[in-house]
């Protein structure tokens, strides 16, 4: 999911909503949308991402936001 060399810390999950049930035989996947990128300093930043766990019919089962602290690319 996240490149291990850039991941520094997991800040947590917000707005967790369980909106549907997973049933036997379901195939699930996660869709991730980057909502915000905030620079902390020249070397680090925080990424906020909206995560949606969906079934094979595209129905949301779990929706939540994660925040992680990551390394930034050095300026060239």
N, C-alpha and C. Protein backbone atom coordinates (compact mmCIF):
# COMPACT_ATOMS: atom_id res chain seq x y z
N UNK A 1 0.83 -1.19 0.00
CA UNK A 1 0.00 0.00 0.00
C UNK A 1 0.87 1.25 0.00
N UNK A 2 1.52 1.58 1.11
CA UNK A 2 2.40 2.74 1.18
C UNK A 2 3.84 2.26 1.02
N UNK A 3 4.66 2.95 0.23
CA UNK A 3 6.07 2.55 0.11
C UNK A 3 6.75 2.58 1.47
N UNK A 4 7.38 1.48 1.84
CA UNK A 4 7.95 1.37 3.19
C UNK A 4 9.05 2.39 3.45
N UNK A 5 9.80 2.80 2.44
CA UNK A 5 10.88 3.76 2.66
C UNK A 5 10.37 5.16 2.97
N UNK A 6 9.12 5.48 2.64
CA UNK A 6 8.60 6.81 2.91
C UNK A 6 7.71 6.86 4.15
N UNK A 7 7.23 5.71 4.61
CA UNK A 7 6.33 5.65 5.77
C UNK A 7 7.13 5.88 7.05
N UNK A 8 6.70 6.85 7.88
CA UNK A 8 7.38 7.13 9.15
C UNK A 8 6.49 6.75 10.32
N UNK A 9 5.24 7.21 10.32
CA UNK A 9 4.36 6.93 11.46
C UNK A 9 2.89 6.94 11.03
N UNK A 10 2.11 6.11 11.70
CA UNK A 10 0.66 6.06 11.50
C UNK A 10 0.04 6.98 12.53
N UNK A 11 -0.67 8.03 12.07
CA UNK A 11 -1.28 9.00 12.98
C UNK A 11 -2.65 8.56 13.46
N UNK A 12 -3.30 7.63 12.76
CA UNK A 12 -4.59 7.15 13.23
C UNK A 12 -5.66 7.16 12.17
N UNK A 13 -6.86 6.75 12.63
CA UNK A 13 -8.04 6.67 11.77
C UNK A 13 -9.12 7.57 12.34
N UNK A 14 -9.82 8.27 11.46
CA UNK A 14 -10.91 9.16 11.84
C UNK A 14 -12.16 8.77 11.06
N UNK A 15 -13.30 9.16 11.57
CA UNK A 15 -14.59 9.03 10.87
C UNK A 15 -14.84 7.62 10.36
N UNK A 16 -14.61 6.63 11.20
CA UNK A 16 -14.83 5.24 10.80
C UNK A 16 -16.33 4.95 10.79
N UNK A 17 -16.85 4.48 9.64
CA UNK A 17 -18.27 4.14 9.51
C UNK A 17 -18.39 2.76 8.90
N UNK A 18 -19.10 1.88 9.57
CA UNK A 18 -19.43 0.57 9.04
C UNK A 18 -20.82 0.70 8.40
N UNK A 19 -20.85 0.64 7.09
CA UNK A 19 -22.09 0.95 6.38
C UNK A 19 -22.77 -0.26 5.76
N UNK A 20 -22.11 -1.42 5.79
CA UNK A 20 -22.70 -2.61 5.21
C UNK A 20 -22.06 -3.86 5.78
N UNK A 21 -22.67 -5.00 5.52
CA UNK A 21 -22.16 -6.27 6.04
C UNK A 21 -21.40 -7.02 4.95
N UNK A 22 -20.33 -7.69 5.33
CA UNK A 22 -19.62 -8.59 4.44
C UNK A 22 -20.22 -9.97 4.59
N UNK A 23 -20.57 -10.56 3.47
CA UNK A 23 -21.23 -11.87 3.50
C UNK A 23 -20.28 -12.95 2.97
N UNK A 24 -20.53 -14.19 3.34
CA UNK A 24 -19.73 -15.30 2.84
C UNK A 24 -19.80 -15.30 1.32
N UNK A 25 -18.63 -15.41 0.69
CA UNK A 25 -18.56 -15.40 -0.77
C UNK A 25 -18.29 -14.03 -1.37
N UNK A 26 -18.38 -12.97 -0.57
CA UNK A 26 -18.09 -11.63 -1.08
C UNK A 26 -16.61 -11.51 -1.44
N UNK A 27 -16.34 -10.70 -2.43
CA UNK A 27 -14.99 -10.29 -2.79
C UNK A 27 -14.89 -8.82 -2.44
N UNK A 28 -13.89 -8.47 -1.63
CA UNK A 28 -13.77 -7.07 -1.20
C UNK A 28 -12.46 -6.48 -1.71
N UNK A 29 -12.48 -5.15 -1.84
CA UNK A 29 -11.27 -4.41 -2.21
C UNK A 29 -11.32 -3.04 -1.56
N UNK A 30 -10.19 -2.36 -1.55
CA UNK A 30 -10.09 -1.03 -0.93
C UNK A 30 -9.79 0.00 -2.00
N UNK A 31 -10.55 1.08 -2.01
CA UNK A 31 -10.28 2.23 -2.87
C UNK A 31 -9.79 3.36 -1.98
N UNK A 32 -8.70 4.00 -2.39
CA UNK A 32 -8.07 5.05 -1.59
C UNK A 32 -8.03 6.34 -2.40
N UNK A 33 -8.47 7.43 -1.76
CA UNK A 33 -8.42 8.75 -2.38
C UNK A 33 -7.65 9.69 -1.46
N UNK A 34 -6.59 10.30 -1.98
CA UNK A 34 -5.82 11.26 -1.19
C UNK A 34 -6.64 12.53 -1.07
N UNK A 35 -6.93 12.93 0.17
CA UNK A 35 -7.74 14.13 0.41
C UNK A 35 -6.89 15.35 0.68
N UNK A 36 -5.75 15.15 1.31
CA UNK A 36 -4.94 16.30 1.72
C UNK A 36 -3.48 15.88 1.89
N UNK A 37 -2.58 16.76 1.50
CA UNK A 37 -1.15 16.58 1.75
C UNK A 37 -0.66 17.87 2.40
N UNK A 38 -0.07 17.73 3.57
CA UNK A 38 0.38 18.90 4.33
C UNK A 38 1.85 18.75 4.67
N UNK A 39 2.66 19.74 4.28
CA UNK A 39 4.08 19.72 4.60
C UNK A 39 4.29 20.06 6.07
N UNK A 40 5.09 19.24 6.75
CA UNK A 40 5.45 19.52 8.14
C UNK A 40 6.75 20.33 8.18
N UNK A 41 7.72 19.92 7.38
CA UNK A 41 8.99 20.60 7.23
C UNK A 41 9.58 20.16 5.89
N UNK A 42 10.87 20.41 5.65
CA UNK A 42 11.48 20.05 4.36
C UNK A 42 11.61 18.54 4.16
N UNK A 43 11.54 17.77 5.23
CA UNK A 43 11.77 16.32 5.12
C UNK A 43 10.53 15.47 5.35
N UNK A 44 9.48 16.03 5.94
CA UNK A 44 8.31 15.22 6.31
C UNK A 44 7.01 15.93 5.96
N UNK A 45 5.95 15.13 5.80
CA UNK A 45 4.63 15.66 5.55
C UNK A 45 3.57 14.68 6.02
N UNK A 46 2.32 15.14 6.09
CA UNK A 46 1.21 14.29 6.52
C UNK A 46 0.26 14.12 5.34
N UNK A 47 -0.12 12.87 5.10
CA UNK A 47 -1.09 12.55 4.06
C UNK A 47 -2.38 12.08 4.72
N UNK A 48 -3.51 12.68 4.33
CA UNK A 48 -4.83 12.23 4.78
C UNK A 48 -5.49 11.53 3.59
N UNK A 49 -5.94 10.30 3.81
CA UNK A 49 -6.53 9.52 2.72
C UNK A 49 -7.87 8.95 3.15
N UNK A 50 -8.86 9.04 2.25
CA UNK A 50 -10.17 8.44 2.48
C UNK A 50 -10.13 7.03 1.92
N UNK A 51 -10.45 6.05 2.75
CA UNK A 51 -10.42 4.65 2.37
C UNK A 51 -11.84 4.10 2.34
N UNK A 52 -12.17 3.38 1.28
CA UNK A 52 -13.49 2.75 1.16
C UNK A 52 -13.29 1.27 0.88
N UNK A 53 -13.75 0.43 1.80
CA UNK A 53 -13.76 -1.00 1.57
C UNK A 53 -15.07 -1.32 0.88
N UNK A 54 -15.00 -1.92 -0.32
CA UNK A 54 -16.20 -2.16 -1.13
C UNK A 54 -16.31 -3.65 -1.47
N UNK A 55 -17.54 -4.07 -1.72
CA UNK A 55 -17.75 -5.45 -2.17
C UNK A 55 -17.76 -5.49 -3.69
N UNK A 56 -18.02 -6.67 -4.24
CA UNK A 56 -17.99 -6.87 -5.69
C UNK A 56 -19.08 -6.09 -6.42
N UNK A 57 -20.09 -5.61 -5.72
CA UNK A 57 -21.15 -4.80 -6.31
C UNK A 57 -20.86 -3.30 -6.20
N UNK A 58 -19.71 -2.96 -5.63
CA UNK A 58 -19.33 -1.55 -5.48
C UNK A 58 -19.98 -0.87 -4.29
N UNK A 59 -20.60 -1.64 -3.39
CA UNK A 59 -21.25 -1.08 -2.21
C UNK A 59 -20.22 -0.85 -1.11
N UNK A 60 -20.29 0.32 -0.47
CA UNK A 60 -19.39 0.61 0.65
C UNK A 60 -19.73 -0.28 1.84
N UNK A 61 -18.69 -0.87 2.43
CA UNK A 61 -18.86 -1.67 3.65
C UNK A 61 -18.27 -0.95 4.85
N UNK A 62 -17.10 -0.35 4.65
CA UNK A 62 -16.43 0.44 5.68
C UNK A 62 -15.82 1.66 5.00
N UNK A 63 -15.99 2.82 5.61
CA UNK A 63 -15.40 4.05 5.09
C UNK A 63 -14.68 4.73 6.25
N UNK A 64 -13.42 5.13 6.02
CA UNK A 64 -12.65 5.78 7.09
C UNK A 64 -11.53 6.63 6.48
N UNK A 65 -10.99 7.51 7.29
CA UNK A 65 -9.88 8.37 6.88
C UNK A 65 -8.65 8.01 7.71
N UNK A 66 -7.52 7.86 7.03
CA UNK A 66 -6.26 7.63 7.73
C UNK A 66 -5.34 8.83 7.55
N UNK A 67 -4.48 9.03 8.53
CA UNK A 67 -3.43 10.04 8.43
C UNK A 67 -2.10 9.36 8.72
N UNK A 68 -1.13 9.61 7.83
CA UNK A 68 0.20 9.05 8.04
C UNK A 68 1.26 10.12 7.85
N UNK A 69 2.35 9.98 8.58
CA UNK A 69 3.51 10.84 8.45
C UNK A 69 4.47 10.16 7.49
N UNK A 70 4.88 10.87 6.45
CA UNK A 70 5.75 10.29 5.42
C UNK A 70 6.95 11.18 5.16
N UNK A 71 7.97 10.58 4.60
CA UNK A 71 9.13 11.35 4.15
C UNK A 71 8.81 12.05 2.84
N UNK A 72 9.42 13.20 2.63
CA UNK A 72 9.22 13.95 1.39
C UNK A 72 10.42 13.79 0.48
N UNK A 73 10.20 13.96 -0.81
CA UNK A 73 11.30 13.93 -1.76
C UNK A 73 12.19 15.14 -1.53
N UNK A 74 13.52 14.94 -1.59
CA UNK A 74 14.39 16.11 -1.47
C UNK A 74 14.21 17.04 -2.68
N UNK A 75 14.29 18.33 -2.44
CA UNK A 75 14.18 19.29 -3.54
C UNK A 75 15.46 19.24 -4.36
N UNK A 76 15.28 19.18 -5.68
CA UNK A 76 16.44 19.09 -6.58
C UNK A 76 16.96 20.46 -6.93
